[in-house]
Amino acid sequence: MTHWFLIDEGAHAGRPRLQGWLETAVQTADGWLSYATCPRCFAMVQVSGTSGDQTWRHEEWHADTDFPIPARVRDRLAKPGEKRGG
């Protein structure tokens, strides 16, 4: 079952994330294309290429429409100026 969690450390520490993304890449005539499969709706979402990583935008869409971030996760979000994790 897909759920939201907070990233503990690194560049995205304190951000909510959907658990279960599956990333892969395919070689095209123009080079490699990386994409990820959404754990919520199974859409293929671009990770590399001209538009960059679209997984964050896709998750925001779910949070705003059909799969809101639960209060237990929202309450732990980093406040502006607060440093969390690494």
PDB file of N, CA and C in Angstrom:
ATOM      1  N   MET A   1       0.839  -1.183   0.000  1.00  0.00           N
ATOM      2  CA  MET A   1       0.000   0.000   0.000  1.00  0.00           C
ATOM      3  C   MET A   1       0.882   1.244   0.000  1.00  0.00           C
ATOM      4  N   THR A   2       0.561   2.179  -0.836  1.00  0.00           N
ATOM      5  CA  THR A   2       1.315   3.429  -0.953  1.00  0.00           C
ATOM      6  C   THR A   2       0.998   4.337   0.218  1.00  0.00           C
ATOM      7  N   HIS A   3       2.038   4.988   0.736  1.00  0.00           N
ATOM      8  CA  HIS A   3       1.813   5.968   1.791  1.00  0.00           C
ATOM      9  C   HIS A   3       2.824   7.095   1.668  1.00  0.00           C
ATOM     10  N   TRP A   4       2.545   8.200   2.361  1.00  0.00           N
ATOM     11  CA  TRP A   4       3.441   9.350   2.413  1.00  0.00           C
ATOM     12  C   TRP A   4       4.419   9.177   3.568  1.00  0.00           C
ATOM     13  N   PHE A   5       5.648   9.663   3.372  1.00  0.00           N
ATOM     14  CA  PHE A   5       6.625   9.703   4.452  1.00  0.00           C
ATOM     15  C   PHE A   5       7.462  10.964   4.277  1.00  0.00           C
ATOM     16  N   LEU A   6       8.247  11.307   5.286  1.00  0.00           N
ATOM     17  CA  LEU A   6       9.152  12.448   5.189  1.00  0.00           C
ATOM     18  C   LEU A   6      10.563  11.961   4.923  1.00  0.00           C
ATOM     19  N   ILE A   7      11.260  12.624   4.039  1.00  0.00           N
ATOM     20  CA  ILE A   7      12.662  12.304   3.778  1.00  0.00           C
ATOM     21  C   ILE A   7      13.460  12.785   4.984  1.00  0.00           C
ATOM     22  N   ASP A   8      14.301  11.907   5.532  1.00  0.00           N
ATOM     23  CA  ASP A   8      15.020  12.209   6.770  1.00  0.00           C
ATOM     24  C   ASP A   8      16.285  13.028   6.574  1.00  0.00           C
ATOM     25  N   GLU A   9      16.995  12.812   5.464  1.00  0.00           N
ATOM     26  CA  GLU A   9      18.283  13.491   5.320  1.00  0.00           C
ATOM     27  C   GLU A   9      18.580  13.785   3.867  1.00  0.00           C
ATOM     28  N   GLY A  10      19.619  14.577   3.649  1.00  0.00           N
ATOM     29  CA  GLY A  10      20.027  14.908   2.298  1.00  0.00           C
ATOM     30  C   GLY A  10      19.403  16.204   1.814  1.00  0.00           C
ATOM     31  N   ALA A  11      19.538  16.441   0.520  1.00  0.00           N
ATOM     32  CA  ALA A  11      19.079  17.694  -0.085  1.00  0.00           C
ATOM     33  C   ALA A  11      17.574  17.915   0.055  1.00  0.00           C
ATOM     34  N   HIS A  12      16.808  16.846   0.149  1.00  0.00           N
ATOM     35  CA  HIS A  12      15.348  16.960   0.236  1.00  0.00           C
ATOM     36  C   HIS A  12      14.813  16.654   1.641  1.00  0.00           C
ATOM     37  N   ALA A  13      15.664  16.729   2.645  1.00  0.00           N
ATOM     38  CA  ALA A  13      15.244  16.440   4.024  1.00  0.00           C
ATOM     39  C   ALA A  13      14.052  17.304   4.416  1.00  0.00           C
ATOM     40  N   GLY A  14      13.064  16.664   5.042  1.00  0.00           N
ATOM     41  CA  GLY A  14      11.878  17.369   5.502  1.00  0.00           C
ATOM     42  C   GLY A  14      10.765  17.466   4.478  1.00  0.00           C
ATOM     43  N   ARG A  15      10.985  16.944   3.278  1.00  0.00           N
ATOM     44  CA  ARG A  15       9.951  16.967   2.233  1.00  0.00           C
ATOM     45  C   ARG A  15       9.141  15.680   2.268  1.00  0.00           C
ATOM     46  N   PRO A  16       7.839  15.797   2.033  1.00  0.00           N
ATOM     47  CA  PRO A  16       7.029  14.581   1.932  1.00  0.00           C
ATOM     48  C   PRO A  16       7.300  13.880   0.600  1.00  0.00           C
ATOM     49  N   ARG A  17       7.147  12.564   0.613  1.00  0.00           N
ATOM     50  CA  ARG A  17       7.404  11.760  -0.583  1.00  0.00           C
ATOM     51  C   ARG A  17       6.475  10.556  -0.563  1.00  0.00           C
ATOM     52  N   LEU A  18       6.040  10.122  -1.737  1.00  0.00           N
ATOM     53  CA  LEU A  18       5.263   8.888  -1.845  1.00  0.00           C
ATOM     54  C   LEU A  18       6.217   7.704  -1.814  1.00  0.00           C
ATOM     55  N   GLN A  19       5.891   6.724  -1.036  1.00  0.00           N
ATOM     56  CA  GLN A  19       6.698   5.505  -0.924  1.00  0.00           C
ATOM     57  C   GLN A  19       6.405   4.615  -2.119  1.00  0.00           C
ATOM     58  N   GLY A  20       7.467   4.071  -2.746  1.00  0.00           N
ATOM     59  CA  GLY A  20       7.277   3.040  -3.751  1.00  0.00           C
ATOM     60  C   GLY A  20       7.558   3.399  -5.192  1.00  0.00           C
ATOM     61  N   TRP A  21       8.176   4.547  -5.461  1.00  0.00           N
ATOM     62  CA  TRP A  21       8.528   4.876  -6.838  1.00  0.00           C
ATOM     63  C   TRP A  21       9.466   3.805  -7.409  1.00  0.00           C
ATOM     64  N   LEU A  22       9.259   3.423  -8.651  1.00  0.00           N
ATOM     65  CA  LEU A  22      10.115   2.465  -9.335  1.00  0.00           C
ATOM     66  C   LEU A  22      10.765   3.183 -10.519  1.00  0.00           C
ATOM     67  N   GLU A  23      12.092   3.383 -10.430  1.00  0.00           N
ATOM     68  CA  GLU A  23      12.796   4.112 -11.485  1.00  0.00           C
ATOM     69  C   GLU A  23      13.476   3.153 -12.452  1.00  0.00           C
ATOM     70  N   THR A  24      13.519   3.567 -13.715  1.00  0.00           N
ATOM     71  CA  THR A  24      14.176   2.780 -14.747  1.00  0.00           C
ATOM     72  C   THR A  24      14.648   3.712 -15.856  1.00  0.00           C
ATOM     73  N   ALA A  25      15.355   3.181 -16.810  1.00  0.00           N
ATOM     74  CA  ALA A  25      15.840   3.975 -17.936  1.00  0.00           C
ATOM     75  C   ALA A  25      15.793   3.132 -19.204  1.00  0.00           C
ATOM     76  N   VAL A  26      15.606   3.812 -20.327  1.00  0.00           N
ATOM     77  CA  VAL A  26      15.638   3.159 -21.623  1.00  0.00           C
ATOM     78  C   VAL A  26      16.588   3.946 -22.519  1.00  0.00           C
ATOM     79  N   GLN A  27      17.275   3.222 -23.401  1.00  0.00           N
ATOM     80  CA  GLN A  27      18.168   3.889 -24.334  1.00  0.00           C
ATOM     81  C   GLN A  27      17.402   4.217 -25.602  1.00  0.00           C
ATOM     82  N   THR A  28      17.486   5.472 -26.014  1.00  0.00           N
ATOM     83  CA  THR A  28      16.822   5.925 -27.231  1.00  0.00           C
ATOM     84  C   THR A  28      17.886   6.333 -28.243  1.00  0.00           C
ATOM     85  N   ALA A  29      17.478   6.731 -29.402  1.00  0.00           N
ATOM     86  CA  ALA A  29      18.420   7.191 -30.424  1.00  0.00           C
ATOM     87  C   ALA A  29      19.171   8.441 -29.960  1.00  0.00           C
ATOM     88  N   ASP A  30      18.563   9.214 -29.058  1.00  0.00           N
ATOM     89  CA  ASP A  30      19.167  10.454 -28.552  1.00  0.00           C
ATOM     90  C   ASP A  30      19.895  10.271 -27.231  1.00  0.00           C
ATOM     91  N   GLY A  31      19.985   9.061 -26.726  1.00  0.00           N
ATOM     92  CA  GLY A  31      20.641   8.806 -25.442  1.00  0.00           C
ATOM     93  C   GLY A  31      19.684   8.128 -24.476  1.00  0.00           C
ATOM     94  N   TRP A  32      19.983   8.236 -23.199  1.00  0.00           N
ATOM     95  CA  TRP A  32      19.183   7.579 -22.169  1.00  0.00           C
ATOM     96  C   TRP A  32      18.035   8.467 -21.713  1.00  0.00           C
ATOM     97  N   LEU A  33      16.896   7.849 -21.457  1.00  0.00           N
ATOM     98  CA  LEU A  33      15.728   8.520 -20.900  1.00  0.00           C
ATOM     99  C   LEU A  33      15.368   7.788 -19.617  1.00  0.00           C
ATOM    100  N   SER A  34      15.365   8.511 -18.515  1.00  0.00           N
ATOM    101  CA  SER A  34      14.996   7.913 -17.226  1.00  0.00           C
ATOM    102  C   SER A  34      13.565   8.307 -16.884  1.00  0.00           C
ATOM    103  N   TYR A  35      12.831   7.358 -16.348  1.00  0.00           N
ATOM    104  CA  TYR A  35      11.472   7.640 -15.900  1.00  0.00           C
ATOM    105  C   TYR A  35      11.177   6.804 -14.669  1.00  0.00           C
ATOM    106  N   ALA A  36      10.114   7.180 -13.975  1.00  0.00           N
ATOM    107  CA  ALA A  36       9.696   6.464 -12.775  1.00  0.00           C
ATOM    108  C   ALA A  36       8.212   6.145 -12.881  1.00  0.00           C
ATOM    109  N   THR A  37       7.810   5.057 -12.283  1.00  0.00           N
ATOM    110  CA  THR A  37       6.403   4.654 -12.254  1.00  0.00           C
ATOM    111  C   THR A  37       5.814   5.090 -10.923  1.00  0.00           C
ATOM    112  N   CYS A  38       4.729   5.861 -10.987  1.00  0.00           N
ATOM    113  CA  CYS A  38       4.079   6.368  -9.783  1.00  0.00           C
ATOM    114  C   CYS A  38       3.461   5.210  -8.999  1.00  0.00           C
ATOM    115  N   PRO A  39       3.736   5.143  -7.690  1.00  0.00           N
ATOM    116  CA  PRO A  39       3.175   4.063  -6.891  1.00  0.00           C
ATOM    117  C   PRO A  39       1.668   4.214  -6.636  1.00  0.00           C
ATOM    118  N   ARG A  40       1.141   5.382  -6.887  1.00  0.00           N
ATOM    119  CA  ARG A  40      -0.281   5.640  -6.653  1.00  0.00           C
ATOM    120  C   ARG A  40      -1.140   5.304  -7.879  1.00  0.00           C
ATOM    121  N   CYS A  41      -0.736   5.827  -9.056  1.00  0.00           N
ATOM    122  CA  CYS A  41      -1.582   5.670 -10.248  1.00  0.00           C
ATOM    123  C   CYS A  41      -0.881   4.942 -11.392  1.00  0.00           C
ATOM    124  N   PHE A  42       0.389   4.560 -11.188  1.00  0.00           N
ATOM    125  CA  PHE A  42       1.174   3.801 -12.149  1.00  0.00           C
ATOM    126  C   PHE A  42       1.496   4.563 -13.430  1.00  0.00           C
ATOM    127  N   ALA A  43       1.386   5.893 -13.397  1.00  0.00           N
ATOM    128  CA  ALA A  43       1.784   6.710 -14.545  1.00  0.00           C
ATOM    129  C   ALA A  43       3.299   6.660 -14.698  1.00  0.00           C
ATOM    130  N   MET A  44       3.769   6.744 -15.939  1.00  0.00           N
ATOM    131  CA  MET A  44       5.204   6.857 -16.202  1.00  0.00           C
ATOM    132  C   MET A  44       5.539   8.348 -16.179  1.00  0.00           C
ATOM    133  N   VAL A  45       6.451   8.724 -15.278  1.00  0.00           N
ATOM    134  CA  VAL A  45       6.780  10.124 -15.057  1.00  0.00           C
ATOM    135  C   VAL A  45       8.253  10.345 -15.394  1.00  0.00           C
ATOM    136  N   GLN A  46       8.528  11.373 -16.179  1.00  0.00           N
ATOM    137  CA  GLN A  46       9.895  11.654 -16.617  1.00  0.00           C
ATOM    138  C   GLN A  46      10.781  12.063 -15.441  1.00  0.00           C
ATOM    139  N   VAL A  47      11.987  11.497 -15.396  1.00  0.00           N
ATOM    140  CA  VAL A  47      12.963  11.835 -14.356  1.00  0.00           C
ATOM    141  C   VAL A  47      14.125  12.626 -14.956  1.00  0.00           C
ATOM    142  N   SER A  48      14.509  12.307 -16.199  1.00  0.00           N
ATOM    143  CA  SER A  48      15.602  13.028 -16.852  1.00  0.00           C
ATOM    144  C   SER A  48      15.101  13.570 -18.181  1.00  0.00           C
ATOM    145  N   GLY A  49      15.917  14.412 -18.793  1.00  0.00           N
ATOM    146  CA  GLY A  49      15.543  14.969 -20.090  1.00  0.00           C
ATOM    147  C   GLY A  49      15.314  16.458 -19.991  1.00  0.00           C
ATOM    148  N   THR A  50      14.678  17.016 -20.993  1.00  0.00           N
ATOM    149  CA  THR A  50      14.525  18.466 -21.082  1.00  0.00           C
ATOM    150  C   THR A  50      13.674  19.058 -19.962  1.00  0.00           C
ATOM    151  N   SER A  51      12.728  18.309 -19.456  1.00  0.00           N
ATOM    152  CA  SER A  51      11.852  18.815 -18.384  1.00  0.00           C
ATOM    153  C   SER A  51      12.385  18.515 -16.996  1.00  0.00           C
ATOM    154  N   GLY A  52      13.427  17.705 -16.886  1.00  0.00           N
ATOM    155  CA  GLY A  52      13.966  17.355 -15.572  1.00  0.00           C
ATOM    156  C   GLY A  52      13.062  16.407 -14.819  1.00  0.00           C
ATOM    157  N   ASP A  53      13.280  16.305 -13.515  1.00  0.00           N
ATOM    158  CA  ASP A  53      12.552  15.373 -12.652  1.00  0.00           C
ATOM    159  C   ASP A  53      11.139  15.886 -12.391  1.00  0.00           C
ATOM    160  N   GLN A  54      10.156  15.199 -12.940  1.00  0.00           N
ATOM    161  CA  GLN A  54       8.757  15.597 -12.789  1.00  0.00           C
ATOM    162  C   GLN A  54       8.035  14.838 -11.676  1.00  0.00           C
ATOM    163  N   THR A  55       8.764  13.967 -10.929  1.00  0.00           N
ATOM    164  CA  THR A  55       8.108  13.190  -9.880  1.00  0.00           C
ATOM    165  C   THR A  55       7.576  14.090  -8.774  1.00  0.00           C
ATOM    166  N   TRP A  56       8.311  15.167  -8.452  1.00  0.00           N
ATOM    167  CA  TRP A  56       7.838  16.074  -7.390  1.00  0.00           C
ATOM    168  C   TRP A  56       6.532  16.745  -7.784  1.00  0.00           C
ATOM    169  N   ARG A  57       6.470  17.220  -9.022  1.00  0.00           N
ATOM    170  CA  ARG A  57       5.241  17.865  -9.501  1.00  0.00           C
ATOM    171  C   ARG A  57       4.081  16.869  -9.519  1.00  0.00           C
ATOM    172  N   HIS A  58       4.359  15.633  -9.919  1.00  0.00           N
ATOM    173  CA  HIS A  58       3.323  14.600  -9.963  1.00  0.00           C
ATOM    174  C   HIS A  58       2.799  14.320  -8.550  1.00  0.00           C
ATOM    175  N   GLU A  59       3.706  14.236  -7.587  1.00  0.00           N
ATOM    176  CA  GLU A  59       3.275  14.019  -6.195  1.00  0.00           C
ATOM    177  C   GLU A  59       2.445  15.189  -5.676  1.00  0.00           C
ATOM    178  N   GLU A  60       2.830  16.408  -6.029  1.00  0.00           N
ATOM    179  CA  GLU A  60       2.042  17.578  -5.612  1.00  0.00           C
ATOM    180  C   GLU A  60       0.628  17.491  -6.174  1.00  0.00           C
ATOM    181  N   TRP A  61       0.512  17.017  -7.414  1.00  0.00           N
ATOM    182  CA  TRP A  61      -0.808  16.856  -8.009  1.00  0.00           C
ATOM    183  C   TRP A  61      -1.643  15.872  -7.190  1.00  0.00           C
ATOM    184  N   HIS A  62      -1.059  14.719  -6.828  1.00  0.00           N
ATOM    185  CA  HIS A  62      -1.796  13.749  -6.004  1.00  0.00           C
ATOM    186  C   HIS A  62      -2.184  14.370  -4.662  1.00  0.00           C
ATOM    187  N   ALA A  63      -1.249  15.095  -4.047  1.00  0.00           N
ATOM    188  CA  ALA A  63      -1.530  15.709  -2.743  1.00  0.00           C
ATOM    189  C   ALA A  63      -2.694  16.702  -2.833  1.00  0.00           C
ATOM    190  N   ASP A  64      -2.803  17.387  -3.968  1.00  0.00           N
ATOM    191  CA  ASP A  64      -3.861  18.388  -4.151  1.00  0.00           C
ATOM    192  C   ASP A  64      -5.178  17.805  -4.640  1.00  0.00           C
ATOM    193  N   THR A  65      -5.168  16.575  -5.141  1.00  0.00           N
ATOM    194  CA  THR A  65      -6.393  16.026  -5.731  1.00  0.00           C
ATOM    195  C   THR A  65      -6.906  14.787  -5.014  1.00  0.00           C
ATOM    196  N   ASP A  66      -6.297  13.643  -5.251  1.00  0.00           N
ATOM    197  CA  ASP A  66      -6.895  12.385  -4.807  1.00  0.00           C
ATOM    198  C   ASP A  66      -6.193  11.685  -3.647  1.00  0.00           C
ATOM    199  N   PHE A  67      -5.036  12.193  -3.197  1.00  0.00           N
ATOM    200  CA  PHE A  67      -4.291  11.481  -2.153  1.00  0.00           C
ATOM    201  C   PHE A  67      -3.575  12.490  -1.250  1.00  0.00           C
ATOM    202  N   PRO A  68      -4.330  13.214  -0.416  1.00  0.00           N
ATOM    203  CA  PRO A  68      -3.730  14.268   0.407  1.00  0.00           C
ATOM    204  C   PRO A  68      -2.692  13.722   1.387  1.00  0.00           C
ATOM    205  N   ILE A  69      -1.744  14.580   1.719  1.00  0.00           N
ATOM    206  CA  ILE A  69      -0.736  14.226   2.720  1.00  0.00           C
ATOM    207  C   ILE A  69      -1.441  14.169   4.069  1.00  0.00           C
ATOM    208  N   PRO A  70      -1.359  13.051   4.789  1.00  0.00           N
ATOM    209  CA  PRO A  70      -2.087  12.928   6.057  1.00  0.00           C
ATOM    210  C   PRO A  70      -1.545  13.874   7.128  1.00  0.00           C
ATOM    211  N   ALA A  71      -2.394  14.219   8.074  1.00  0.00           N
ATOM    212  CA  ALA A  71      -2.027  15.163   9.141  1.00  0.00           C
ATOM    213  C   ALA A  71      -0.804  14.694   9.905  1.00  0.00           C
ATOM    214  N   ARG A  72      -0.662  13.396  10.135  1.00  0.00           N
ATOM    215  CA  ARG A  72       0.484  12.888  10.898  1.00  0.00           C
ATOM    216  C   ARG A  72       1.802  13.183  10.198  1.00  0.00           C
ATOM    217  N   VAL A  73       1.794  13.271   8.865  1.00  0.00           N
ATOM    218  CA  VAL A  73       2.995  13.624   8.105  1.00  0.00           C
ATOM    219  C   VAL A  73       3.114  15.142   8.004  1.00  0.00           C
ATOM    220  N   ARG A  74       2.012  15.832   7.691  1.00  0.00           N
ATOM    221  CA  ARG A  74       2.018  17.296   7.573  1.00  0.00           C
ATOM    222  C   ARG A  74       2.529  17.954   8.842  1.00  0.00           C
ATOM    223  N   ASP A  75       2.151  17.420  10.001  1.00  0.00           N
ATOM    224  CA  ASP A  75       2.548  18.011  11.283  1.00  0.00           C
ATOM    225  C   ASP A  75       4.046  17.939  11.516  1.00  0.00           C
ATOM    226  N   ARG A  76       4.741  17.039  10.819  1.00  0.00           N
ATOM    227  CA  ARG A  76       6.191  16.882  10.985  1.00  0.00           C
ATOM    228  C   ARG A  76       6.997  17.626   9.926  1.00  0.00           C
ATOM    229  N   LEU A  77       6.329  18.313   8.987  1.00  0.00           N
ATOM    230  CA  LEU A  77       7.039  19.027   7.929  1.00  0.00           C
ATOM    231  C   LEU A  77       7.948  20.088   8.515  1.00  0.00           C
ATOM    232  N   ALA A  78       9.078  20.311   7.870  1.00  0.00           N
ATOM    233  CA  ALA A  78      10.034  21.332   8.321  1.00  0.00           C
ATOM    234  C   ALA A  78       9.388  22.707   8.198  1.00  0.00           C
ATOM    235  N   LYS A  79       9.536  23.503   9.213  1.00  0.00           N
ATOM    236  CA  LYS A  79       9.051  24.875   9.201  1.00  0.00           C
ATOM    237  C   LYS A  79      10.050  25.727   8.409  1.00  0.00           C
ATOM    238  N   PRO A  80       9.616  26.851   7.833  1.00  0.00           N
ATOM    239  CA  PRO A  80      10.556  27.708   7.096  1.00  0.00           C
ATOM    240  C   PRO A  80      11.760  28.076   7.987  1.00  0.00           C
ATOM    241  N   GLY A  81      12.948  27.889   7.459  1.00  0.00           N
ATOM    242  CA  GLY A  81      14.159  28.211   8.210  1.00  0.00           C
ATOM    243  C   GLY A  81      14.651  27.102   9.112  1.00  0.00           C
ATOM    244  N   GLU A  82      13.846  26.055   9.307  1.00  0.00           N
ATOM    245  CA  GLU A  82      14.236  24.931  10.171  1.00  0.00           C
ATOM    246  C   GLU A  82      15.009  23.930   9.325  1.00  0.00           C
ATOM    247  N   LYS A  83      16.136  23.474   9.843  1.00  0.00           N
ATOM    248  CA  LYS A  83      16.938  22.475   9.138  1.00  0.00           C
ATOM    249  C   LYS A  83      16.604  21.099   9.700  1.00  0.00           C
ATOM    250  N   ARG A  84      16.316  20.167   8.774  1.00  0.00           N
ATOM    251  CA  ARG A  84      16.003  18.795   9.175  1.00  0.00           C
ATOM    252  C   ARG A  84      17.002  17.871   8.529  1.00  0.00           C
ATOM    253  N   GLY A  85      17.350  16.844   9.205  1.00  0.00           N
ATOM    254  CA  GLY A  85      18.209  15.805   8.625  1.00  0.00           C
ATOM    255  C   GLY A  85      19.579  16.294   8.270  1.00  0.00           C
ATOM    256  N   GLY A  86      20.242  15.592   7.242  1.00  0.00           N
ATOM    257  CA  GLY A  86      21.607  15.835   6.827  1.00  0.00           C
ATOM    258  C   GLY A  86      21.786  17.138   6.195  1.00  0.00           C
TER     259      GLY A  86
END
